[in-house]
Protein backbone atom coordinates (compact mmCIF):
# COMPACT_ATOMS: atom_id res chain seq x y z
CA MET A 1 87.42 109.08 107.66
CA LYS A 2 86.25 105.51 107.42
CA THR A 3 87.46 102.03 108.22
CA PHE A 4 85.94 98.90 106.76
CA ASP A 5 85.79 95.35 108.02
CA PRO A 6 86.62 92.70 105.45
CA VAL A 7 83.72 90.96 103.72
CA VAL A 8 83.96 87.16 103.80
CA VAL A 9 82.08 84.97 101.33
CA THR A 10 82.25 81.19 101.80
CA ARG A 11 81.89 78.71 98.94
CA LEU A 12 81.90 74.93 98.71
CA ILE A 13 83.78 73.85 95.60
CA LYS A 14 81.51 71.46 93.69
CA GLU A 15 81.86 69.34 90.57
CA GLU A 16 80.32 72.06 88.36
CA ASP A 17 83.01 74.53 89.55
CA LEU A 18 85.89 72.47 88.13
CA ASN A 19 87.86 72.69 84.90
CA HIS A 20 89.10 69.80 82.75
CA HIS A 21 92.04 69.29 85.15
CA GLY A 22 89.71 68.70 88.10
CA THR A 23 90.66 71.98 89.80
CA LEU A 24 88.66 75.16 90.36
CA PHE A 25 87.81 76.83 87.03
CA ALA A 26 89.41 80.29 86.82
CA GLY A 27 86.22 81.84 85.41
CA ARG A 28 84.22 80.63 88.40
CA MET A 29 86.87 81.95 90.78
CA ALA A 30 86.91 85.31 88.98
CA SER A 31 83.13 85.57 89.38
CA TRP A 32 83.32 84.78 93.09
CA LEU A 33 86.24 87.14 93.66
CA VAL A 34 84.53 90.05 91.90
CA GLU A 35 81.31 89.36 93.79
CA SER A 36 83.12 89.53 97.14
CA CYS A 37 84.95 92.70 96.08
CA PHE A 38 81.65 94.21 94.89
CA LEU A 39 80.15 93.59 98.33
CA SER A 40 83.04 95.47 99.96
CA ALA A 41 82.70 98.41 97.55
CA SER A 42 78.91 98.45 97.97
CA ARG A 43 79.18 98.56 101.74
CA ALA A 44 81.60 101.45 101.45
CA VAL A 45 79.31 103.47 99.18
CA GLY A 46 76.17 102.37 101.00
CA LYS A 47 74.17 102.03 97.79
CA PRO A 48 74.82 98.77 95.88
CA GLU A 49 72.76 100.02 92.93
CA ASP A 50 75.33 102.80 92.43
CA VAL A 51 78.40 100.54 92.21
CA VAL A 52 79.82 99.16 88.95
CA CYS A 53 83.01 97.24 88.26
CA VAL A 54 85.34 99.02 85.83
CA LYS A 55 88.44 96.86 86.01
CA ILE A 56 89.69 93.54 87.29
CA HIS A 57 93.38 94.10 87.93
CA GLY A 58 94.23 90.46 87.92
CA MET A 59 93.86 87.23 89.73
CA GLU A 60 96.70 84.91 90.66
CA PHE A 61 96.32 81.30 91.71
CA LYS A 62 98.96 80.38 94.29
CA ARG A 63 97.79 76.77 94.50
CA PRO A 64 94.93 74.72 93.09
CA ALA A 65 91.54 74.23 94.72
CA HIS A 66 89.68 70.92 94.50
CA LYS A 67 86.17 69.55 94.76
CA GLY A 68 84.96 69.35 98.34
CA GLU A 69 87.22 72.09 99.67
CA ILE A 70 85.75 75.11 101.43
CA LEU A 71 86.92 78.43 99.97
CA GLU A 72 86.68 81.60 102.05
CA ILE A 73 87.03 84.74 99.95
CA SER A 74 87.77 87.86 101.95
CA SER A 75 87.79 91.31 100.40
CA GLN A 76 88.68 94.74 101.70
CA VAL A 77 88.74 98.31 100.42
CA VAL A 78 92.39 99.33 99.98
CA LEU A 79 92.34 102.53 97.90
CA THR A 80 89.80 105.22 97.06
CA GLY A 81 89.71 107.98 94.49
CA ARG A 82 87.09 110.65 93.80
CA SER A 83 84.52 108.15 92.52
CA SER A 84 86.57 104.93 92.50
CA ILE A 85 87.11 102.23 95.08
CA THR A 86 89.80 99.57 94.68
CA VAL A 87 89.24 96.35 96.61
CA ALA A 88 91.69 93.50 97.27
CA GLY A 89 90.48 89.94 97.61
CA GLN A 90 92.02 86.65 98.60
CA GLY A 91 90.76 83.10 98.84
CA LEU A 92 91.78 80.74 101.63
CA LEU A 93 91.12 77.00 101.47
CA ASP A 94 89.81 75.00 104.42
CA GLY A 95 91.06 77.48 107.01
CA ASP A 96 94.66 77.55 105.70
CA ASP A 97 96.15 81.02 106.23
CA ARG A 98 98.13 80.90 102.95
CA PRO A 99 96.11 82.46 100.12
CA ALA A 100 95.19 80.08 97.31
CA VAL A 101 94.20 83.00 95.09
CA THR A 102 94.57 86.79 95.19
CA GLY A 103 93.27 89.63 93.05
CA MET A 104 92.01 93.21 92.91
CA ALA A 105 89.14 95.03 91.26
CA THR A 106 88.17 98.68 90.92
CA PHE A 107 84.60 99.94 91.12
CA VAL A 108 83.07 103.35 90.46
CA SER A 109 80.05 105.00 92.06
CA VAL A 110 77.57 106.05 89.36
CA ASN A 111 74.20 107.80 89.36
CA ALA A 112 71.01 106.52 87.68
CA GLN A 113 72.27 107.86 84.33
CA GLY A 114 75.54 105.92 84.67
CA LYS A 115 77.66 109.03 85.33
CA PRO A 116 80.39 108.79 88.00
CA TYR A 117 79.86 110.87 91.12
CA PRO A 118 82.13 111.59 94.10
CA HIS A 119 81.43 109.04 96.82
CA GLY A 120 83.11 111.11 99.56
CA ILE A 121 84.93 108.14 101.08
CA VAL A 122 88.25 109.01 102.69
CA LEU A 123 90.25 106.24 104.32
CA SER A 124 91.85 107.09 107.67
CA GLU A 125 95.65 107.03 107.96
CA GLU A 126 95.33 104.29 110.58
CA TYR A 127 93.21 102.18 108.22
CA VAL A 128 95.64 102.67 105.33
CA LYS A 129 98.54 101.61 107.58
CA GLY A 130 96.65 98.38 108.30
CA VAL A 131 96.37 97.61 104.57
CA GLU A 132 99.59 99.36 103.56
CA GLU A 133 101.05 96.61 101.36
CA LEU A 134 97.77 96.18 99.48
CA ASN A 135 97.33 99.95 99.23
CA LEU A 136 100.76 100.31 97.60
CA LYS A 137 100.01 97.46 95.19
CA ALA A 138 96.66 99.07 94.31
CA GLN A 139 98.39 102.40 93.66
CA GLU A 140 100.81 100.64 91.33
CA LEU A 141 98.05 98.78 89.47
CA THR A 142 95.75 101.78 89.10
CA GLY A 143 98.36 104.49 88.58
CA ARG A 144 96.72 106.49 91.37
CA ARG A 145 98.28 107.81 94.54
CA ARG A 146 96.61 108.49 97.86
């Protein structure tokens, strides 16, 4: 049974990260969110070269982000299957505890030939209780149950 600390990636929002409205471009945010989620999944598997993203379950902006703001993207494993790992991510701006953006992505452990293999990761009951709301949302999004 495993527990995992959240991964935190910090980004400075720069001019090149903005859209035509002067706010953070969704494509840039999606890239950063998936990268943070990938790091969480990779740590869980222990072999980054064996982890591939199979689905981005969505990303929701709760409020805009602007040039000069510091974005902290935290991600955490919330659900595991035989070879899959679903990770939740959220972005906080300048230390505010209200998420500016949230999303989830699912990754699969694959061998050198690209075939999924069982990663053997089992989340402890205590860990799942700590991420219970996200675990339930992940189950709904993926159609999988613990």
